[in-house]
PDB file of N, CA and C in Angstrom:
ATOM      1  N   MET A   1      -7.318  50.555  64.647  1.00  0.00           N
ATOM      2  CA  MET A   1      -6.937  51.868  65.099  1.00  0.00           C
ATOM      3  C   MET A   1      -8.099  52.531  65.823  1.00  0.00           C
ATOM      4  N   GLY A   2      -9.242  52.706  65.186  1.00  0.00           N
ATOM      5  CA  GLY A   2     -10.410  53.283  65.838  1.00  0.00           C
ATOM      6  C   GLY A   2     -10.271  54.767  66.109  1.00  0.00           C
ATOM      7  N   THR A   3     -11.261  55.318  66.762  1.00  0.00           N
ATOM      8  CA  THR A   3     -11.237  56.731  67.125  1.00  0.00           C
ATOM      9  C   THR A   3     -11.776  56.900  68.533  1.00  0.00           C
ATOM     10  N   GLU A   4     -11.378  57.988  69.164  1.00  0.00           N
ATOM     11  CA  GLU A   4     -11.867  58.270  70.514  1.00  0.00           C
ATOM     12  C   GLU A   4     -13.135  59.107  70.495  1.00  0.00           C
ATOM     13  N   GLY A   5     -13.455  59.669  69.339  1.00  0.00           N
ATOM     14  CA  GLY A   5     -14.651  60.495  69.257  1.00  0.00           C
ATOM     15  C   GLY A   5     -14.720  61.227  67.938  1.00  0.00           C
ATOM     16  N   TYR A   6     -15.733  62.062  67.809  1.00  0.00           N
ATOM     17  CA  TYR A   6     -15.967  62.820  66.593  1.00  0.00           C
ATOM     18  C   TYR A   6     -16.006  64.299  66.933  1.00  0.00           C
ATOM     19  N   HIS A   7     -15.513  65.119  65.997  1.00  0.00           N
ATOM     20  CA  HIS A   7     -15.333  66.534  66.266  1.00  0.00           C
ATOM     21  C   HIS A   7     -15.831  67.363  65.091  1.00  0.00           C
ATOM     22  N   LYS A   8     -16.314  68.536  65.398  1.00  0.00           N
ATOM     23  CA  LYS A   8     -16.721  69.498  64.378  1.00  0.00           C
ATOM     24  C   LYS A   8     -15.625  70.540  64.293  1.00  0.00           C
ATOM     25  N   ILE A   9     -14.780  70.434  63.253  1.00  0.00           N
ATOM     26  CA  ILE A   9     -13.664  71.372  63.150  1.00  0.00           C
ATOM     27  C   ILE A   9     -13.751  72.246  61.910  1.00  0.00           C
ATOM     28  N   SER A  10     -14.603  71.918  60.971  1.00  0.00           N
ATOM     29  CA  SER A  10     -14.724  72.740  59.770  1.00  0.00           C
ATOM     30  C   SER A  10     -15.816  73.776  59.980  1.00  0.00           C
ATOM     31  N   SER A  11     -15.497  74.998  59.674  1.00  0.00           N
ATOM     32  CA  SER A  11     -16.505  76.058  59.796  1.00  0.00           C
ATOM     33  C   SER A  11     -17.469  76.062  58.621  1.00  0.00           C
ATOM     34  N   LEU A  12     -17.183  75.287  57.583  1.00  0.00           N
ATOM     35  CA  LEU A  12     -18.006  75.300  56.377  1.00  0.00           C
ATOM     36  C   LEU A  12     -19.338  74.568  56.552  1.00  0.00           C
ATOM     37  N   HIS A  13     -19.314  73.448  57.217  1.00  0.00           N
ATOM     38  CA  HIS A  13     -20.529  72.666  57.450  1.00  0.00           C
ATOM     39  C   HIS A  13     -20.519  72.154  58.887  1.00  0.00           C
ATOM     40  N   PRO A  14     -20.558  73.036  59.875  1.00  0.00           N
ATOM     41  CA  PRO A  14     -20.340  72.600  61.261  1.00  0.00           C
ATOM     42  C   PRO A  14     -21.379  71.618  61.788  1.00  0.00           C
ATOM     43  N   LYS A  15     -22.572  71.605  61.236  1.00  0.00           N
ATOM     44  CA  LYS A  15     -23.594  70.688  61.742  1.00  0.00           C
ATOM     45  C   LYS A  15     -23.646  69.386  60.956  1.00  0.00           C
ATOM     46  N   ARG A  16     -23.000  69.347  59.786  1.00  0.00           N
ATOM     47  CA  ARG A  16     -23.152  68.180  58.923  1.00  0.00           C
ATOM     48  C   ARG A  16     -21.848  67.500  58.553  1.00  0.00           C
ATOM     49  N   PHE A  17     -20.721  67.948  59.070  1.00  0.00           N
ATOM     50  CA  PHE A  17     -19.428  67.379  58.700  1.00  0.00           C
ATOM     51  C   PHE A  17     -18.602  67.206  59.960  1.00  0.00           C
ATOM     52  N   VAL A  18     -18.365  65.976  60.346  1.00  0.00           N
ATOM     53  CA  VAL A  18     -17.584  65.691  61.546  1.00  0.00           C
ATOM     54  C   VAL A  18     -16.352  64.878  61.166  1.00  0.00           C
ATOM     55  N   VAL A  19     -15.327  64.980  61.995  1.00  0.00           N
ATOM     56  CA  VAL A  19     -14.084  64.260  61.746  1.00  0.00           C
ATOM     57  C   VAL A  19     -13.751  63.387  62.949  1.00  0.00           C
ATOM     58  N   SER A  20     -13.003  62.327  62.682  1.00  0.00           N
ATOM     59  CA  SER A  20     -12.549  61.455  63.763  1.00  0.00           C
ATOM     60  C   SER A  20     -11.451  62.161  64.563  1.00  0.00           C
ATOM     61  N   SER A  21     -11.139  61.615  65.722  1.00  0.00           N
ATOM     62  CA  SER A  21     -10.060  62.167  66.553  1.00  0.00           C
ATOM     63  C   SER A  21      -8.729  62.136  65.814  1.00  0.00           C
ATOM     64  N   ASN A  22      -8.513  61.106  65.000  1.00  0.00           N
ATOM     65  CA  ASN A  22      -7.254  60.992  64.267  1.00  0.00           C
ATOM     66  C   ASN A  22      -7.150  62.028  63.149  1.00  0.00           C
ATOM     67  N   ILE A  23      -8.243  62.346  62.498  1.00  0.00           N
ATOM     68  CA  ILE A  23      -8.236  63.406  61.489  1.00  0.00           C
ATOM     69  C   ILE A  23      -7.994  64.755  62.174  1.00  0.00           C
ATOM     70  N   LYS A  24      -8.616  64.945  63.322  1.00  0.00           N
ATOM     71  CA  LYS A  24      -8.387  66.191  64.077  1.00  0.00           C
ATOM     72  C   LYS A  24      -6.916  66.316  64.453  1.00  0.00           C
ATOM     73  N   LEU A  25      -6.313  65.231  64.911  1.00  0.00           N
ATOM     74  CA  LEU A  25      -4.896  65.226  65.276  1.00  0.00           C
ATOM     75  C   LEU A  25      -4.024  65.495  64.043  1.00  0.00           C
ATOM     76  N   LEU A  26      -4.365  64.891  62.917  1.00  0.00           N
ATOM     77  CA  LEU A  26      -3.638  65.121  61.672  1.00  0.00           C
ATOM     78  C   LEU A  26      -3.699  66.600  61.279  1.00  0.00           C
ATOM     79  N   ALA A  27      -4.870  67.194  61.353  1.00  0.00           N
ATOM     80  CA  ALA A  27      -5.038  68.612  61.013  1.00  0.00           C
ATOM     81  C   ALA A  27      -4.209  69.497  61.948  1.00  0.00           C
ATOM     82  N   GLU A  28      -4.172  69.145  63.215  1.00  0.00           N
ATOM     83  CA  GLU A  28      -3.399  69.929  64.182  1.00  0.00           C
ATOM     84  C   GLU A  28      -1.894  69.801  63.941  1.00  0.00           C
ATOM     85  N   LYS A  29      -1.415  68.572  63.858  1.00  0.00           N
ATOM     86  CA  LYS A  29       0.031  68.326  63.755  1.00  0.00           C
ATOM     87  C   LYS A  29       0.603  68.796  62.421  1.00  0.00           C
ATOM     88  N   ALA A  30      -0.147  68.622  61.333  1.00  0.00           N
ATOM     89  CA  ALA A  30       0.335  69.008  60.005  1.00  0.00           C
ATOM     90  C   ALA A  30      -0.085  70.427  59.626  1.00  0.00           C
ATOM     91  N   GLU A  31      -0.757  71.108  60.561  1.00  0.00           N
ATOM     92  CA  GLU A  31      -1.308  72.436  60.288  1.00  0.00           C
ATOM     93  C   GLU A  31      -2.105  72.403  58.981  1.00  0.00           C
ATOM     94  N   ALA A  32      -3.011  71.448  58.897  1.00  0.00           N
ATOM     95  CA  ALA A  32      -3.734  71.183  57.650  1.00  0.00           C
ATOM     96  C   ALA A  32      -5.247  71.279  57.814  1.00  0.00           C
ATOM     97  N   TYR A  33      -5.694  72.246  58.584  1.00  0.00           N
ATOM     98  CA  TYR A  33      -7.135  72.472  58.655  1.00  0.00           C
ATOM     99  C   TYR A  33      -7.669  72.837  57.275  1.00  0.00           C
ATOM    100  N   TRP A  34      -6.825  73.425  56.436  1.00  0.00           N
ATOM    101  CA  TRP A  34      -7.213  73.770  55.073  1.00  0.00           C
ATOM    102  C   TRP A  34      -7.635  72.527  54.285  1.00  0.00           C
ATOM    103  N   LEU A  35      -6.984  71.399  54.558  1.00  0.00           N
ATOM    104  CA  LEU A  35      -7.322  70.157  53.850  1.00  0.00           C
ATOM    105  C   LEU A  35      -8.725  69.694  54.238  1.00  0.00           C
ATOM    106  N   ILE A  36      -9.053  69.766  55.500  1.00  0.00           N
ATOM    107  CA  ILE A  36     -10.388  69.379  55.964  1.00  0.00           C
ATOM    108  C   ILE A  36     -11.432  70.341  55.399  1.00  0.00           C
ATOM    109  N   ASP A  37     -11.119  71.639  55.401  1.00  0.00           N
ATOM    110  CA  ASP A  37     -12.038  72.610  54.812  1.00  0.00           C
ATOM    111  C   ASP A  37     -12.223  72.365  53.320  1.00  0.00           C
ATOM    112  N   ALA A  38     -11.152  72.005  52.613  1.00  0.00           N
ATOM    113  CA  ALA A  38     -11.265  71.725  51.179  1.00  0.00           C
ATOM    114  C   ALA A  38     -12.208  70.548  50.941  1.00  0.00           C
ATOM    115  N   ILE A  39     -12.056  69.496  51.715  1.00  0.00           N
ATOM    116  CA  ILE A  39     -12.937  68.321  51.574  1.00  0.00           C
ATOM    117  C   ILE A  39     -14.370  68.699  51.934  1.00  0.00           C
ATOM    118  N   ALA A  40     -14.538  69.429  53.031  1.00  0.00           N
ATOM    119  CA  ALA A  40     -15.882  69.831  53.458  1.00  0.00           C
ATOM    120  C   ALA A  40     -16.545  70.734  52.425  1.00  0.00           C
ATOM    121  N   SER A  41     -15.744  71.576  51.759  1.00  0.00           N
ATOM    122  CA  SER A  41     -16.311  72.534  50.806  1.00  0.00           C
ATOM    123  C   SER A  41     -16.955  71.856  49.599  1.00  0.00           C
ATOM    124  N   HIS A  42     -16.571  70.639  49.304  1.00  0.00           N
ATOM    125  CA  HIS A  42     -17.115  69.928  48.144  1.00  0.00           C
ATOM    126  C   HIS A  42     -18.337  69.066  48.478  1.00  0.00           C
ATOM    127  N   GLN A  43     -18.663  68.931  49.747  1.00  0.00           N
ATOM    128  CA  GLN A  43     -19.727  68.000  50.139  1.00  0.00           C
ATOM    129  C   GLN A  43     -21.095  68.349  49.554  1.00  0.00           C
ATOM    130  N   GLY A  44     -21.468  69.620  49.574  1.00  0.00           N
ATOM    131  CA  GLY A  44     -22.779  69.999  49.050  1.00  0.00           C
ATOM    132  C   GLY A  44     -22.945  69.603  47.602  1.00  0.00           C
ATOM    133  N   ALA A  45     -21.950  69.914  46.777  1.00  0.00           N
ATOM    134  CA  ALA A  45     -22.022  69.582  45.354  1.00  0.00           C
ATOM    135  C   ALA A  45     -22.009  68.075  45.132  1.00  0.00           C
ATOM    136  N   ILE A  46     -21.200  67.373  45.895  1.00  0.00           N
ATOM    137  CA  ILE A  46     -21.151  65.914  45.744  1.00  0.00           C
ATOM    138  C   ILE A  46     -22.511  65.309  46.053  1.00  0.00           C
ATOM    139  N   TRP A  47     -23.108  65.723  47.140  1.00  0.00           N
ATOM    140  CA  TRP A  47     -24.397  65.157  47.534  1.00  0.00           C
ATOM    141  C   TRP A  47     -25.519  65.571  46.586  1.00  0.00           C
ATOM    142  N   ARG A  48     -25.495  66.809  46.112  1.00  0.00           N
ATOM    143  CA  ARG A  48     -26.558  67.287  45.218  1.00  0.00           C
ATOM    144  C   ARG A  48     -26.462  66.709  43.823  1.00  0.00           C
ATOM    145  N   HIS A  49     -25.260  66.643  43.283  1.00  0.00           N
ATOM    146  CA  HIS A  49     -25.111  66.357  41.866  1.00  0.00           C
ATOM    147  C   HIS A  49     -24.588  64.963  41.538  1.00  0.00           C
ATOM    148  N   GLN A  50     -24.013  64.289  42.475  1.00  0.00           N
ATOM    149  CA  GLN A  50     -23.374  63.022  42.139  1.00  0.00           C
ATOM    150  C   GLN A  50     -24.172  61.794  42.581  1.00  0.00           C
ATOM    151  N   LYS A  51     -25.327  62.016  43.159  1.00  0.00           N
ATOM    152  CA  LYS A  51     -26.197  60.905  43.558  1.00  0.00           C
ATOM    153  C   LYS A  51     -25.483  59.893  44.452  1.00  0.00           C
ATOM    154  N   ILE A  52     -24.809  60.420  45.459  1.00  0.00           N
ATOM    155  CA  ILE A  52     -24.171  59.556  46.443  1.00  0.00           C
ATOM    156  C   ILE A  52     -25.276  58.878  47.245  1.00  0.00           C
ATOM    157  N   THR A  53     -25.189  57.587  47.381  1.00  0.00           N
ATOM    158  CA  THR A  53     -26.207  56.857  48.115  1.00  0.00           C
ATOM    159  C   THR A  53     -25.772  56.673  49.563  1.00  0.00           C
ATOM    160  N   GLU A  54     -26.744  56.487  50.418  1.00  0.00           N
ATOM    161  CA  GLU A  54     -26.438  56.283  51.825  1.00  0.00           C
ATOM    162  C   GLU A  54     -25.537  55.068  51.977  1.00  0.00           C
ATOM    163  N   GLY A  55     -24.463  55.229  52.724  1.00  0.00           N
ATOM    164  CA  GLY A  55     -23.501  54.148  52.930  1.00  0.00           C
ATOM    165  C   GLY A  55     -22.341  54.180  51.950  1.00  0.00           C
ATOM    166  N   ALA A  56     -22.396  55.040  50.907  1.00  0.00           N
ATOM    167  CA  ALA A  56     -21.326  55.092  49.914  1.00  0.00           C
ATOM    168  C   ALA A  56     -20.177  55.961  50.425  1.00  0.00           C
ATOM    169  N   ARG A  57     -18.977  55.444  50.278  1.00  0.00           N
ATOM    170  CA  ARG A  57     -17.782  56.165  50.698  1.00  0.00           C
ATOM    171  C   ARG A  57     -17.293  57.103  49.607  1.00  0.00           C
ATOM    172  N   GLN A  58     -16.592  58.130  50.033  1.00  0.00           N
ATOM    173  CA  GLN A  58     -15.819  58.974  49.120  1.00  0.00           C
ATOM    174  C   GLN A  58     -14.351  58.698  49.439  1.00  0.00           C
ATOM    175  N   TRP A  59     -13.568  58.470  48.431  1.00  0.00           N
ATOM    176  CA  TRP A  59     -12.151  58.178  48.588  1.00  0.00           C
ATOM    177  C   TRP A  59     -11.351  59.414  48.206  1.00  0.00           C
ATOM    178  N   TRP A  60     -10.796  60.110  49.168  1.00  0.00           N
ATOM    179  CA  TRP A  60     -10.033  61.334  48.925  1.00  0.00           C
ATOM    180  C   TRP A  60      -8.552  61.017  48.966  1.00  0.00           C
ATOM    181  N   GLU A  61      -7.800  61.635  48.048  1.00  0.00           N
ATOM    182  CA  GLU A  61      -6.349  61.463  48.058  1.00  0.00           C
ATOM    183  C   GLU A  61      -5.679  62.794  47.739  1.00  0.00           C
ATOM    184  N   LEU A  62      -4.769  63.185  48.617  1.00  0.00           N
ATOM    185  CA  LEU A  62      -3.947  64.361  48.401  1.00  0.00           C
ATOM    186  C   LEU A  62      -2.577  63.873  47.959  1.00  0.00           C
ATOM    187  N   THR A  63      -2.105  64.375  46.821  1.00  0.00           N
ATOM    188  CA  THR A  63      -0.761  64.062  46.333  1.00  0.00           C
ATOM    189  C   THR A  63       0.023  65.361  46.279  1.00  0.00           C
ATOM    190  N   VAL A  64       1.158  65.385  46.969  1.00  0.00           N
ATOM    191  CA  VAL A  64       2.017  66.564  47.007  1.00  0.00           C
ATOM    192  C   VAL A  64       3.236  66.275  46.134  1.00  0.00           C
ATOM    193  N   TYR A  65       3.514  67.195  45.204  1.00  0.00           N
ATOM    194  CA  TYR A  65       4.606  67.035  44.250  1.00  0.00           C
ATOM    195  C   TYR A  65       5.873  67.720  44.746  1.00  0.00           C
ATOM    196  N   GLU A  66       6.997  67.465  44.070  1.00  0.00           N
ATOM    197  CA  GLU A  66       8.285  68.016  44.478  1.00  0.00           C
ATOM    198  C   GLU A  66       8.301  69.539  44.513  1.00  0.00           C
ATOM    199  N   ASP A  67       7.537  70.187  43.622  1.00  0.00           N
ATOM    200  CA  ASP A  67       7.512  71.657  43.601  1.00  0.00           C
ATOM    201  C   ASP A  67       6.554  72.230  44.642  1.00  0.00           C
ATOM    202  N   GLN A  68       6.016  71.370  45.515  1.00  0.00           N
ATOM    203  CA  GLN A  68       5.097  71.697  46.601  1.00  0.00           C
ATOM    204  C   GLN A  68       3.703  72.105  46.117  1.00  0.00           C
ATOM    205  N   SER A  69       3.419  71.858  44.858  1.00  0.00           N
ATOM    206  CA  SER A  69       2.031  71.947  44.409  1.00  0.00           C
ATOM    207  C   SER A  69       1.386  70.618  44.766  1.00  0.00           C
ATOM    208  N   ALA A  70       0.083  70.569  44.676  1.00  0.00           N
ATOM    209  CA  ALA A  70      -0.614  69.336  45.058  1.00  0.00           C
ATOM    210  C   ALA A  70      -1.889  69.183  44.245  1.00  0.00           C
ATOM    211  N   ARG A  71      -2.435  68.001  44.316  1.00  0.00           N
ATOM    212  CA  ARG A  71      -3.720  67.715  43.691  1.00  0.00           C
ATOM    213  C   ARG A  71      -4.559  66.947  44.707  1.00  0.00           C
ATOM    214  N   LEU A  72      -5.797  67.391  44.863  1.00  0.00           N
ATOM    215  CA  LEU A  72      -6.758  66.728  45.747  1.00  0.00           C
ATOM    216  C   LEU A  72      -7.823  66.102  44.856  1.00  0.00           C
ATOM    217  N   VAL A  73      -7.956  64.797  44.938  1.00  0.00           N
ATOM    218  CA  VAL A  73      -8.891  64.056  44.097  1.00  0.00           C
ATOM    219  C   VAL A  73      -9.844  63.276  44.985  1.00  0.00           C
ATOM    220  N   CYS A  74     -11.107  63.254  44.585  1.00  0.00           N
ATOM    221  CA  CYS A  74     -12.108  62.438  45.271  1.00  0.00           C
ATOM    222  C   CYS A  74     -12.713  61.477  44.275  1.00  0.00           C
ATOM    223  N   MET A  75     -12.726  60.220  44.646  1.00  0.00           N
ATOM    224  CA  MET A  75     -13.345  59.176  43.832  1.00  0.00           C
ATOM    225  C   MET A  75     -14.600  58.681  44.549  1.00  0.00           C
ATOM    226  N   ALA A  76     -15.597  58.324  43.762  1.00  0.00           N
ATOM    227  CA  ALA A  76     -16.821  57.745  44.312  1.00  0.00           C
ATOM    228  C   ALA A  76     -16.523  56.354  44.851  1.00  0.00           C
ATOM    229  N   ASP A  77     -17.491  55.779  45.518  1.00  0.00           N
ATOM    230  CA  ASP A  77     -17.333  54.462  46.139  1.00  0.00           C
ATOM    231  C   ASP A  77     -16.974  53.384  45.124  1.00  0.00           C
ATOM    232  N   ASP A  78     -17.333  53.582  43.854  1.00  0.00           N
ATOM    233  CA  ASP A  78     -16.997  52.584  42.837  1.00  0.00           C
ATOM    234  C   ASP A  78     -15.514  52.624  42.454  1.00  0.00           C
ATOM    235  N   GLU A  79     -14.763  53.593  42.975  1.00  0.00           N
ATOM    236  CA  GLU A  79     -13.334  53.790  42.733  1.00  0.00           C
ATOM    237  C   GLU A  79     -13.007  54.025  41.259  1.00  0.00           C
ATOM    238  N   VAL A  80     -14.010  54.406  40.461  1.00  0.00           N
ATOM    239  CA  VAL A  80     -13.836  54.689  39.044  1.00  0.00           C
ATOM    240  C   VAL A  80     -14.268  56.119  38.724  1.00  0.00           C
ATOM    241  N   THR A  81     -15.370  56.541  39.322  1.00  0.00           N
ATOM    242  CA  THR A  81     -15.950  57.855  39.040  1.00  0.00           C
ATOM    243  C   THR A  81     -15.245  58.941  39.830  1.00  0.00           C
ATOM    244  N   GLU A  82     -14.607  59.875  39.105  1.00  0.00           N
ATOM    245  CA  GLU A  82     -13.943  60.993  39.760  1.00  0.00           C
ATOM    246  C   GLU A  82     -14.975  62.077  40.056  1.00  0.00           C
ATOM    247  N   LEU A  83     -15.082  62.456  41.333  1.00  0.00           N
ATOM    248  CA  LEU A  83     -16.042  63.467  41.759  1.00  0.00           C
ATOM    249  C   LEU A  83     -15.420  64.847  41.873  1.00  0.00           C
ATOM    250  N   VAL A  84     -14.156  64.913  42.277  1.00  0.00           N
ATOM    251  CA  VAL A  84     -13.459  66.181  42.482  1.00  0.00           C
ATOM    252  C   VAL A  84     -12.020  66.017  42.010  1.00  0.00           C
ATOM    253  N   ASN A  85     -11.506  67.068  41.374  1.00  0.00           N
ATOM    254  CA  ASN A  85     -10.096  67.128  41.003  1.00  0.00           C
ATOM    255  C   ASN A  85      -9.674  68.576  41.187  1.00  0.00           C
ATOM    256  N   GLN A  86      -9.030  68.870  42.301  1.00  0.00           N
ATOM    257  CA  GLN A  86      -8.676  70.243  42.652  1.00  0.00           C
ATOM    258  C   GLN A  86      -7.161  70.414  42.664  1.00  0.00           C
ATOM    259  N   GLU A  87      -6.685  71.378  41.887  1.00  0.00           N
ATOM    260  CA  GLU A  87      -5.263  71.727  41.881  1.00  0.00           C
ATOM    261  C   GLU A  87      -4.992  72.668  43.053  1.00  0.00           C
ATOM    262  N   ILE A  88      -3.886  72.449  43.737  1.00  0.00           N
ATOM    263  CA  ILE A  88      -3.476  73.293  44.860  1.00  0.00           C
ATOM    264  C   ILE A  88      -2.097  73.839  44.497  1.00  0.00           C
ATOM    265  N   PRO A  89      -2.000  75.144  44.268  1.00  0.00           N
ATOM    266  CA  PRO A  89      -0.742  75.717  43.768  1.00  0.00           C
ATOM    267  C   PRO A  89       0.441  75.560  44.723  1.00  0.00           C
ATOM    268  N   TYR A  90       0.185  75.595  46.031  1.00  0.00           N
ATOM    269  CA  TYR A  90       1.275  75.475  46.996  1.00  0.00           C
ATOM    270  C   TYR A  90       0.750  74.884  48.296  1.00  0.00           C
ATOM    271  N   THR A  91       1.545  73.995  48.871  1.00  0.00           N
ATOM    272  CA  THR A  91       1.265  73.489  50.205  1.00  0.00           C
ATOM    273  C   THR A  91       2.582  73.104  50.880  1.00  0.00           C
ATOM    274  N   ASP A  92       2.593  73.228  52.186  1.00  0.00           N
ATOM    275  CA  ASP A  92       3.740  72.733  52.942  1.00  0.00           C
ATOM    276  C   ASP A  92       3.356  71.461  53.709  1.00  0.00           C
ATOM    277  N   TYR A  93       2.333  70.772  53.205  1.00  0.00           N
ATOM    278  CA  TYR A  93       1.911  69.517  53.841  1.00  0.00           C
ATOM    279  C   TYR A  93       3.119  68.583  53.919  1.00  0.00           C
ATOM    280  N   PRO A  94       3.366  67.973  55.061  1.00  0.00           N
ATOM    281  CA  PRO A  94       4.625  67.249  55.269  1.00  0.00           C
ATOM    282  C   PRO A  94       4.740  65.888  54.573  1.00  0.00           C
ATOM    283  N   LEU A  95       3.653  65.319  54.126  1.00  0.00           N
ATOM    284  CA  LEU A  95       3.703  64.009  53.463  1.00  0.00           C
ATOM    285  C   LEU A  95       3.451  64.166  51.966  1.00  0.00           C
ATOM    286  N   THR A  96       3.911  63.184  51.186  1.00  0.00           N
ATOM    287  CA  THR A  96       3.685  63.255  49.742  1.00  0.00           C
ATOM    288  C   THR A  96       2.326  62.689  49.340  1.00  0.00           C
ATOM    289  N   ARG A  97       1.717  61.920  50.223  1.00  0.00           N
ATOM    290  CA  ARG A  97       0.420  61.331  49.902  1.00  0.00           C
ATOM    291  C   ARG A  97      -0.378  61.135  51.184  1.00  0.00           C
ATOM    292  N   GLU A  98      -1.651  61.466  51.104  1.00  0.00           N
ATOM    293  CA  GLU A  98      -2.559  61.254  52.239  1.00  0.00           C
ATOM    294  C   GLU A  98      -3.881  60.742  51.701  1.00  0.00           C
ATOM    295  N   LYS A  99      -4.402  59.704  52.327  1.00  0.00           N
ATOM    296  CA  LYS A  99      -5.710  59.166  51.946  1.00  0.00           C
ATOM    297  C   LYS A  99      -6.693  59.386  53.082  1.00  0.00           C
ATOM    298  N   ILE A 100      -7.869  59.844  52.717  1.00  0.00           N
ATOM    299  CA  ILE A 100      -8.925  60.138  53.687  1.00  0.00           C
ATOM    300  C   ILE A 100     -10.235  59.617  53.132  1.00  0.00           C
ATOM    301  N   TRP A 101     -11.037  59.055  53.992  1.00  0.00           N
ATOM    302  CA  TRP A 101     -12.374  58.609  53.599  1.00  0.00           C
ATOM    303  C   TRP A 101     -13.411  59.558  54.167  1.00  0.00           C
ATOM    304  N   VAL A 102     -14.479  59.735  53.421  1.00  0.00           N
ATOM    305  CA  VAL A 102     -15.656  60.423  53.937  1.00  0.00           C
ATOM    306  C   VAL A 102     -16.815  59.460  53.748  1.00  0.00           C
ATOM    307  N   MET A 103     -17.508  59.215  54.836  1.00  0.00           N
ATOM    308  CA  MET A 103     -18.627  58.281  54.805  1.00  0.00           C
ATOM    309  C   MET A 103     -19.881  58.975  55.296  1.00  0.00           C
ATOM    310  N   PRO A 104     -21.005  58.735  54.632  1.00  0.00           N
ATOM    311  CA  PRO A 104     -22.254  59.286  55.166  1.00  0.00           C
ATOM    312  C   PRO A 104     -22.616  58.545  56.446  1.00  0.00           C
ATOM    313  N   ALA A 105     -22.792  59.287  57.508  1.00  0.00           N
ATOM    314  CA  ALA A 105     -23.147  58.674  58.788  1.00  0.00           C
ATOM    315  C   ALA A 105     -24.657  58.528  58.918  1.00  0.00           C
ATOM    316  N   SER A 106     -25.398  59.464  58.327  1.00  0.00           N
ATOM    317  CA  SER A 106     -26.860  59.389  58.342  1.00  0.00           C
ATOM    318  C   SER A 106     -27.400  60.459  57.408  1.00  0.00           C
ATOM    319  N   THR A 107     -28.649  60.340  57.063  1.00  0.00           N
ATOM    320  CA  THR A 107     -29.315  61.381  56.298  1.00  0.00           C
ATOM    321  C   THR A 107     -30.315  62.033  57.219  1.00  0.00           C
ATOM    322  N   ARG A 108     -30.165  63.355  57.388  1.00  0.00           N
ATOM    323  CA  ARG A 108     -31.028  64.094  58.298  1.00  0.00           C
ATOM    324  C   ARG A 108     -31.912  65.028  57.496  1.00  0.00           C
ATOM    325  N   GLN A 109     -32.877  65.600  58.150  1.00  0.00           N
ATOM    326  CA  GLN A 109     -33.809  66.504  57.495  1.00  0.00           C
ATOM    327  C   GLN A 109     -33.084  67.708  56.888  1.00  0.00           C
ATOM    328  N   ASP A 110     -32.042  68.199  57.552  1.00  0.00           N
ATOM    329  CA  ASP A 110     -31.319  69.357  57.044  1.00  0.00           C
ATOM    330  C   ASP A 110     -30.139  68.963  56.154  1.00  0.00           C
ATOM    331  N   GLY A 111     -30.059  67.706  55.750  1.00  0.00           N
ATOM    332  CA  GLY A 111     -29.002  67.227  54.866  1.00  0.00           C
ATOM    333  C   GLY A 111     -28.234  66.078  55.490  1.00  0.00           C
ATOM    334  N   PRO A 112     -27.360  65.460  54.714  1.00  0.00           N
ATOM    335  CA  PRO A 112     -26.613  64.307  55.207  1.00  0.00           C
ATOM    336  C   PRO A 112     -25.555  64.702  56.221  1.00  0.00           C
ATOM    337  N   LEU A 113     -25.240  63.783  57.105  1.00  0.00           N
ATOM    338  CA  LEU A 113     -24.157  63.948  58.057  1.00  0.00           C
ATOM    339  C   LEU A 113     -22.983  63.129  57.532  1.00  0.00           C
ATOM    340  N   ALA A 114     -21.859  63.777  57.280  1.00  0.00           N
ATOM    341  CA  ALA A 114     -20.687  63.099  56.737  1.00  0.00           C
ATOM    342  C   ALA A 114     -19.623  62.952  57.819  1.00  0.00           C
ATOM    343  N   LEU A 115     -18.958  61.813  57.810  1.00  0.00           N
ATOM    344  CA  LEU A 115     -17.904  61.495  58.762  1.00  0.00           C
ATOM    345  C   LEU A 115     -16.594  61.345  58.009  1.00  0.00           C
ATOM    346  N   CYS A 116     -15.597  62.132  58.381  1.00  0.00           N
ATOM    347  CA  CYS A 116     -14.286  62.122  57.750  1.00  0.00           C
ATOM    348  C   CYS A 116     -13.328  61.323  58.643  1.00  0.00           C
ATOM    349  N   MET A 117     -12.621  60.340  58.041  1.00  0.00           N
ATOM    350  CA  MET A 117     -11.748  59.477  58.837  1.00  0.00           C
ATOM    351  C   MET A 117     -10.573  58.973  58.017  1.00  0.00           C
ATOM    352  N   LEU A 118      -9.587  58.435  58.688  1.00  0.00           N
ATOM    353  CA  LEU A 118      -8.494  57.754  58.022  1.00  0.00           C
ATOM    354  C   LEU A 118      -8.967  56.351  57.657  1.00  0.00           C
ATOM    355  N   PRO A 119      -8.489  55.779  56.539  1.00  0.00           N
ATOM    356  CA  PRO A 119      -8.922  54.437  56.144  1.00  0.00           C
ATOM    357  C   PRO A 119      -8.708  53.377  57.237  1.00  0.00           C
ATOM    358  N   ALA A 120      -7.643  53.493  58.012  1.00  0.00           N
ATOM    359  CA  ALA A 120      -7.355  52.510  59.065  1.00  0.00           C
ATOM    360  C   ALA A 120      -8.378  52.544  60.191  1.00  0.00           C
ATOM    361  N   GLU A 121      -9.198  53.600  60.254  1.00  0.00           N
ATOM    362  CA  GLU A 121     -10.185  53.713  61.335  1.00  0.00           C
ATOM    363  C   GLU A 121     -11.482  52.987  61.009  1.00  0.00           C
ATOM    364  N   TYR A 122     -11.639  52.544  59.792  1.00  0.00           N
ATOM    365  CA  TYR A 122     -12.908  51.931  59.393  1.00  0.00           C
ATOM    366  C   TYR A 122     -13.067  50.563  59.984  1.00  0.00           C
TER     367      TYR A 122
END
């Protein structure tokens, strides 16, 4: 699948959190910029407290239930350690499940640069 480029769409970490063209398209079509902001909002704590190593992926999964509540979960690269578990009281996200990866692209002096992408883009 690949990507055509990288974009800064989250206002939370505009210099350190970029998304692929496909994630940008997903946010636009599903009106889900909130999902990207939710993932971006957890990056500081994940990097500070969870000892994410360079090259380690974060496995994010959004599950939307019949009552339109949802749960956003992030697993560490070992696929065992849960890093984030966020309840979302309401969403109109059009799919029942979405998987997103966040990968450290580099470590910079002002903090790590994270790349958000769909698993098929890896």
